[in-house]
Amino acid sequence: MKIDERSNVKKLKVYLDTSVINFLFADDAPERRDITIRFFEDFVARGEIEAYISDVVLIEINRTPDEERKRKLLSVRGKYGLRMLRFNMDEMEPLVGEYIGRKIIPKNKVDDARHIAIATVEEMDVLTSWNFKHLANIKVERKVMIVNNEMGYYYPLRFTTPMEVMG
């Protein structure tokens, strides 16, 4: 965590999963869309937090069949200066295997497990998501914390929504 020189408070290192970027353009969910826009404008754009995505996010976005939507989603990284993290197979795949093997994350949701592994290894303060079933979920957070501790990762990782990060 970096210290914000203006306020002497540590900046949160926040990993954004793909759902957070998707909700910037979610016209079918205006309340979450508006919260997400406010999150990006008031916190990410102004540097109130350190916002990160990963190559897993880009892979998920590139699966978007609608080319115009894909272009919009990909433009978010540059527009808001999102920092990039890489999925390190050797270091992160054992965590992914544990999350799936212990049924914390379903085996057909491997990218969700990868988001958690990246946030864990890179010592993010928060994993932010609108995916309540697998990511923004306190039960999942607690189970992941147990696995992480058993595997030697002790940095506390919170799972939450953009709304909670804003306070």
C-alpha atoms as a PDB file:
ATOM      1  CA  MET A   1       0.000   0.000   0.000  1.00  0.00           C
ATOM      2  CA  LYS A   2       1.395   3.425  -0.919  1.00  0.00           C
ATOM      3  CA  ILE A   3       0.987   6.449   1.313  1.00  0.00           C
ATOM      4  CA  ASP A   4      -1.015   9.297  -0.199  1.00  0.00           C
ATOM      5  CA  GLU A   5       1.279  12.274   0.374  1.00  0.00           C
ATOM      6  CA  ARG A   6      -1.660  14.700   0.581  1.00  0.00           C
ATOM      7  CA  SER A   7      -3.466  12.966   3.417  1.00  0.00           C
ATOM      8  CA  ASN A   8      -0.787  10.663   4.866  1.00  0.00           C
ATOM      9  CA  VAL A   9      -3.192   7.734   4.417  1.00  0.00           C
ATOM     10  CA  LYS A  10      -2.230   4.518   2.654  1.00  0.00           C
ATOM     11  CA  LYS A  11      -3.862   4.072  -0.746  1.00  0.00           C
ATOM     12  CA  LEU A  12      -5.758   0.858  -1.223  1.00  0.00           C
ATOM     13  CA  LYS A  13      -4.436  -1.508  -3.871  1.00  0.00           C
ATOM     14  CA  VAL A  14      -7.644  -2.664  -5.552  1.00  0.00           C
ATOM     15  CA  TYR A  15      -7.899  -5.498  -8.070  1.00  0.00           C
ATOM     16  CA  LEU A  16     -10.868  -5.107 -10.412  1.00  0.00           C
ATOM     17  CA  ASP A  17     -12.388  -8.219 -11.889  1.00  0.00           C
ATOM     18  CA  THR A  18     -14.088  -8.116 -15.272  1.00  0.00           C
ATOM     19  CA  SER A  19     -17.578  -7.536 -13.858  1.00  0.00           C
ATOM     20  CA  VAL A  20     -16.562  -4.112 -12.548  1.00  0.00           C
ATOM     21  CA  ILE A  21     -15.540  -2.985 -16.021  1.00  0.00           C
ATOM     22  CA  ASN A  22     -18.651  -4.558 -17.560  1.00  0.00           C
ATOM     23  CA  PHE A  23     -20.937  -2.600 -15.268  1.00  0.00           C
ATOM     24  CA  LEU A  24     -19.621   0.707 -16.633  1.00  0.00           C
ATOM     25  CA  PHE A  25     -21.808  -0.089 -19.649  1.00  0.00           C
ATOM     26  CA  ALA A  26     -24.651  -2.048 -18.000  1.00  0.00           C
ATOM     27  CA  ASP A  27     -27.685  -0.129 -19.227  1.00  0.00           C
ATOM     28  CA  ASP A  28     -29.871  -3.019 -18.035  1.00  0.00           C
ATOM     29  CA  ALA A  29     -28.705  -2.416 -14.421  1.00  0.00           C
ATOM     30  CA  PRO A  30     -28.694   1.394 -14.067  1.00  0.00           C
ATOM     31  CA  GLU A  31     -28.143   1.476 -10.299  1.00  0.00           C
ATOM     32  CA  ARG A  32     -24.982  -0.640 -10.395  1.00  0.00           C
ATOM     33  CA  ARG A  33     -23.854   1.092 -13.586  1.00  0.00           C
ATOM     34  CA  ASP A  34     -24.136   4.516 -11.907  1.00  0.00           C
ATOM     35  CA  ILE A  35     -22.276   3.313  -8.794  1.00  0.00           C
ATOM     36  CA  THR A  36     -19.537   1.870 -11.017  1.00  0.00           C
ATOM     37  CA  ILE A  37     -19.229   5.089 -13.015  1.00  0.00           C
ATOM     38  CA  ARG A  38     -18.952   7.065  -9.769  1.00  0.00           C
ATOM     39  CA  PHE A  39     -16.339   4.582  -8.499  1.00  0.00           C
ATOM     40  CA  PHE A  40     -14.220   5.066 -11.634  1.00  0.00           C
ATOM     41  CA  GLU A  41     -14.644   8.844 -11.784  1.00  0.00           C
ATOM     42  CA  ASP A  42     -14.273   9.637  -8.069  1.00  0.00           C
ATOM     43  CA  PHE A  43     -11.769   6.996  -6.980  1.00  0.00           C
ATOM     44  CA  VAL A  44      -9.890   5.507  -9.922  1.00  0.00           C
ATOM     45  CA  ALA A  45      -9.520   8.604 -12.143  1.00  0.00           C
ATOM     46  CA  ARG A  46      -8.576  10.850  -9.220  1.00  0.00           C
ATOM     47  CA  GLY A  47      -5.970   8.399  -7.912  1.00  0.00           C
ATOM     48  CA  GLU A  48      -7.734   7.818  -4.592  1.00  0.00           C
ATOM     49  CA  ILE A  49      -6.905   4.129  -4.979  1.00  0.00           C
ATOM     50  CA  GLU A  50      -4.395   2.119  -6.990  1.00  0.00           C
ATOM     51  CA  ALA A  51      -6.549   0.188  -9.461  1.00  0.00           C
ATOM     52  CA  TYR A  52      -5.284  -2.994 -11.101  1.00  0.00           C
ATOM     53  CA  ILE A  53      -6.521  -5.478 -13.676  1.00  0.00           C
ATOM     54  CA  SER A  54      -4.827  -8.547 -15.100  1.00  0.00           C
ATOM     55  CA  ASP A  55      -4.315 -10.378 -18.324  1.00  0.00           C
ATOM     56  CA  VAL A  56      -7.182 -12.634 -17.173  1.00  0.00           C
ATOM     57  CA  VAL A  57      -9.502  -9.610 -17.343  1.00  0.00           C
ATOM     58  CA  LEU A  58      -8.300  -8.846 -20.868  1.00  0.00           C
ATOM     59  CA  ILE A  59      -8.811 -12.471 -21.931  1.00  0.00           C
ATOM     60  CA  GLU A  60     -12.375 -12.390 -20.601  1.00  0.00           C
ATOM     61  CA  ILE A  61     -13.082  -9.085 -22.352  1.00  0.00           C
ATOM     62  CA  ASN A  62     -11.675 -10.436 -25.617  1.00  0.00           C
ATOM     63  CA  ARG A  63     -14.262 -13.239 -25.483  1.00  0.00           C
ATOM     64  CA  THR A  64     -16.994 -10.591 -25.897  1.00  0.00           C
ATOM     65  CA  PRO A  65     -18.741 -11.368 -29.193  1.00  0.00           C
ATOM     66  CA  ASP A  66     -20.042  -7.808 -29.742  1.00  0.00           C
ATOM     67  CA  GLU A  67     -17.100  -5.930 -31.298  1.00  0.00           C
ATOM     68  CA  GLU A  68     -18.355  -2.463 -30.298  1.00  0.00           C
ATOM     69  CA  ARG A  69     -18.846  -3.515 -26.678  1.00  0.00           C
ATOM     70  CA  LYS A  70     -15.440  -5.213 -26.668  1.00  0.00           C
ATOM     71  CA  ARG A  71     -13.839  -1.979 -27.926  1.00  0.00           C
ATOM     72  CA  LYS A  72     -15.529   0.015 -25.132  1.00  0.00           C
ATOM     73  CA  LEU A  73     -14.464  -2.476 -22.475  1.00  0.00           C
ATOM     74  CA  LEU A  74     -10.858  -2.540 -23.683  1.00  0.00           C
ATOM     75  CA  SER A  75     -10.714   1.281 -23.736  1.00  0.00           C
ATOM     76  CA  VAL A  76     -11.304   1.435 -19.966  1.00  0.00           C
ATOM     77  CA  ARG A  77      -7.736   0.367 -19.198  1.00  0.00           C
ATOM     78  CA  GLY A  78      -6.217   3.366 -20.992  1.00  0.00           C
ATOM     79  CA  LYS A  79      -8.916   5.858 -20.072  1.00  0.00           C
ATOM     80  CA  TYR A  80      -8.480   5.269 -16.344  1.00  0.00           C
ATOM     81  CA  GLY A  81      -4.818   4.268 -16.277  1.00  0.00           C
ATOM     82  CA  LEU A  82      -5.467   0.823 -14.825  1.00  0.00           C
ATOM     83  CA  ARG A  83      -2.279  -0.939 -13.789  1.00  0.00           C
ATOM     84  CA  MET A  84      -1.583  -4.363 -15.239  1.00  0.00           C
ATOM     85  CA  LEU A  85      -0.804  -7.604 -13.412  1.00  0.00           C
ATOM     86  CA  ARG A  86       0.186 -10.866 -15.110  1.00  0.00           C
ATOM     87  CA  PHE A  87      -0.985 -14.353 -14.247  1.00  0.00           C
ATOM     88  CA  ASN A  88       2.163 -16.279 -13.278  1.00  0.00           C
ATOM     89  CA  MET A  89       1.281 -19.913 -13.957  1.00  0.00           C
ATOM     90  CA  ASP A  90       3.998 -21.428 -11.744  1.00  0.00           C
ATOM     91  CA  GLU A  91       3.157 -19.366  -8.693  1.00  0.00           C
ATOM     92  CA  MET A  92      -0.591 -18.915  -9.060  1.00  0.00           C
ATOM     93  CA  GLU A  93      -1.881 -22.178 -10.529  1.00  0.00           C
ATOM     94  CA  PRO A  94      -1.408 -24.123  -7.260  1.00  0.00           C
ATOM     95  CA  LEU A  95      -3.730 -21.630  -5.548  1.00  0.00           C
ATOM     96  CA  VAL A  96      -6.266 -21.956  -8.366  1.00  0.00           C
ATOM     97  CA  GLY A  97      -6.127 -25.736  -7.947  1.00  0.00           C
ATOM     98  CA  GLU A  98      -6.805 -25.454  -4.214  1.00  0.00           C
ATOM     99  CA  TYR A  99      -9.733 -23.026  -4.645  1.00  0.00           C
ATOM    100  CA  ILE A 100     -11.321 -25.380  -7.175  1.00  0.00           C
ATOM    101  CA  GLY A 101     -10.294 -28.627  -5.463  1.00  0.00           C
ATOM    102  CA  ARG A 102     -11.864 -27.504  -2.202  1.00  0.00           C
ATOM    103  CA  LYS A 103     -14.983 -26.398  -4.072  1.00  0.00           C
ATOM    104  CA  ILE A 104     -14.609 -22.766  -3.023  1.00  0.00           C
ATOM    105  CA  ILE A 105     -14.877 -21.861  -6.704  1.00  0.00           C
ATOM    106  CA  PRO A 106     -16.661 -24.176  -9.186  1.00  0.00           C
ATOM    107  CA  LYS A 107     -14.380 -25.898 -11.681  1.00  0.00           C
ATOM    108  CA  ASN A 108     -16.196 -24.231 -14.582  1.00  0.00           C
ATOM    109  CA  LYS A 109     -15.307 -20.779 -13.136  1.00  0.00           C
ATOM    110  CA  VAL A 110     -11.520 -21.099 -13.339  1.00  0.00           C
ATOM    111  CA  ASP A 111     -11.103 -17.431 -14.296  1.00  0.00           C
ATOM    112  CA  ASP A 112     -12.721 -16.423 -10.980  1.00  0.00           C
ATOM    113  CA  ALA A 113     -10.162 -18.583  -9.174  1.00  0.00           C
ATOM    114  CA  ARG A 114      -7.422 -16.935 -11.231  1.00  0.00           C
ATOM    115  CA  HIS A 115      -8.630 -13.464 -10.209  1.00  0.00           C
ATOM    116  CA  ILE A 116      -8.340 -14.507  -6.558  1.00  0.00           C
ATOM    117  CA  ALA A 117      -4.890 -16.047  -7.067  1.00  0.00           C
ATOM    118  CA  ILE A 118      -3.556 -12.917  -8.764  1.00  0.00           C
ATOM    119  CA  ALA A 119      -4.944 -10.661  -6.027  1.00  0.00           C
ATOM    120  CA  THR A 120      -3.452 -12.977  -3.398  1.00  0.00           C
ATOM    121  CA  VAL A 121       0.052 -13.288  -4.819  1.00  0.00           C
ATOM    122  CA  GLU A 122       0.263  -9.597  -5.728  1.00  0.00           C
ATOM    123  CA  GLU A 123      -0.865  -8.631  -2.192  1.00  0.00           C
ATOM    124  CA  MET A 124      -3.862  -6.577  -3.195  1.00  0.00           C
ATOM    125  CA  ASP A 125      -5.839  -5.058  -0.339  1.00  0.00           C
ATOM    126  CA  VAL A 126      -9.173  -5.626  -2.044  1.00  0.00           C
ATOM    127  CA  LEU A 127     -10.613  -7.782  -4.813  1.00  0.00           C
ATOM    128  CA  THR A 128     -13.537  -5.780  -6.189  1.00  0.00           C
ATOM    129  CA  SER A 129     -16.358  -7.446  -8.077  1.00  0.00           C
ATOM    130  CA  TRP A 130     -20.079  -7.373  -8.783  1.00  0.00           C
ATOM    131  CA  ASN A 131     -20.036 -11.202  -8.804  1.00  0.00           C
ATOM    132  CA  PHE A 132     -21.717 -11.928  -5.467  1.00  0.00           C
ATOM    133  CA  LYS A 133     -21.820 -15.677  -5.985  1.00  0.00           C
ATOM    134  CA  HIS A 134     -18.089 -16.345  -6.354  1.00  0.00           C
ATOM    135  CA  LEU A 135     -16.133 -13.194  -5.517  1.00  0.00           C
ATOM    136  CA  ALA A 136     -17.844 -10.398  -3.557  1.00  0.00           C
ATOM    137  CA  ASN A 137     -18.882 -12.857  -0.893  1.00  0.00           C
ATOM    138  CA  ILE A 138     -17.745 -13.075   2.737  1.00  0.00           C
ATOM    139  CA  LYS A 139     -18.086 -16.881   2.868  1.00  0.00           C
ATOM    140  CA  VAL A 140     -15.786 -17.243  -0.124  1.00  0.00           C
ATOM    141  CA  GLU A 141     -13.412 -14.675   1.377  1.00  0.00           C
ATOM    142  CA  ARG A 142     -13.115 -16.645   4.615  1.00  0.00           C
ATOM    143  CA  LYS A 143     -12.523 -19.956   2.836  1.00  0.00           C
ATOM    144  CA  VAL A 144      -9.909 -18.375   0.568  1.00  0.00           C
ATOM    145  CA  MET A 145      -8.168 -16.864   3.601  1.00  0.00           C
ATOM    146  CA  ILE A 146      -7.806 -20.349   5.111  1.00  0.00           C
ATOM    147  CA  VAL A 147      -6.323 -21.771   1.893  1.00  0.00           C
ATOM    148  CA  ASN A 148      -4.044 -18.771   1.451  1.00  0.00           C
ATOM    149  CA  ASN A 149      -2.714 -19.055   5.004  1.00  0.00           C
ATOM    150  CA  GLU A 150      -2.113 -22.794   4.599  1.00  0.00           C
ATOM    151  CA  MET A 151      -0.152 -22.059   1.427  1.00  0.00           C
ATOM    152  CA  GLY A 152       1.949 -19.301   3.003  1.00  0.00           C
ATOM    153  CA  TYR A 153       0.064 -16.211   1.833  1.00  0.00           C
ATOM    154  CA  TYR A 154      -0.758 -14.134   4.890  1.00  0.00           C
ATOM    155  CA  TYR A 155      -1.527 -10.712   3.447  1.00  0.00           C
ATOM    156  CA  PRO A 156      -5.206 -10.002   4.207  1.00  0.00           C
ATOM    157  CA  LEU A 157      -7.366  -9.823   1.078  1.00  0.00           C
ATOM    158  CA  ARG A 158     -10.888  -8.395   1.250  1.00  0.00           C
ATOM    159  CA  PHE A 159     -13.603  -9.297  -1.274  1.00  0.00           C
ATOM    160  CA  THR A 160     -16.103  -6.519  -1.887  1.00  0.00           C
ATOM    161  CA  THR A 161     -18.003  -4.338  -4.348  1.00  0.00           C
ATOM    162  CA  PRO A 162     -17.074  -0.919  -5.727  1.00  0.00           C
ATOM    163  CA  MET A 163     -19.768   0.558  -3.492  1.00  0.00           C
ATOM    164  CA  GLU A 164     -18.050  -0.710  -0.356  1.00  0.00           C
ATOM    165  CA  VAL A 165     -14.652   0.572  -1.477  1.00  0.00           C
ATOM    166  CA  MET A 166     -16.187   4.043  -1.849  1.00  0.00           C
ATOM    167  CA  GLY A 167     -17.396   3.914   1.757  1.00  0.00           C
END
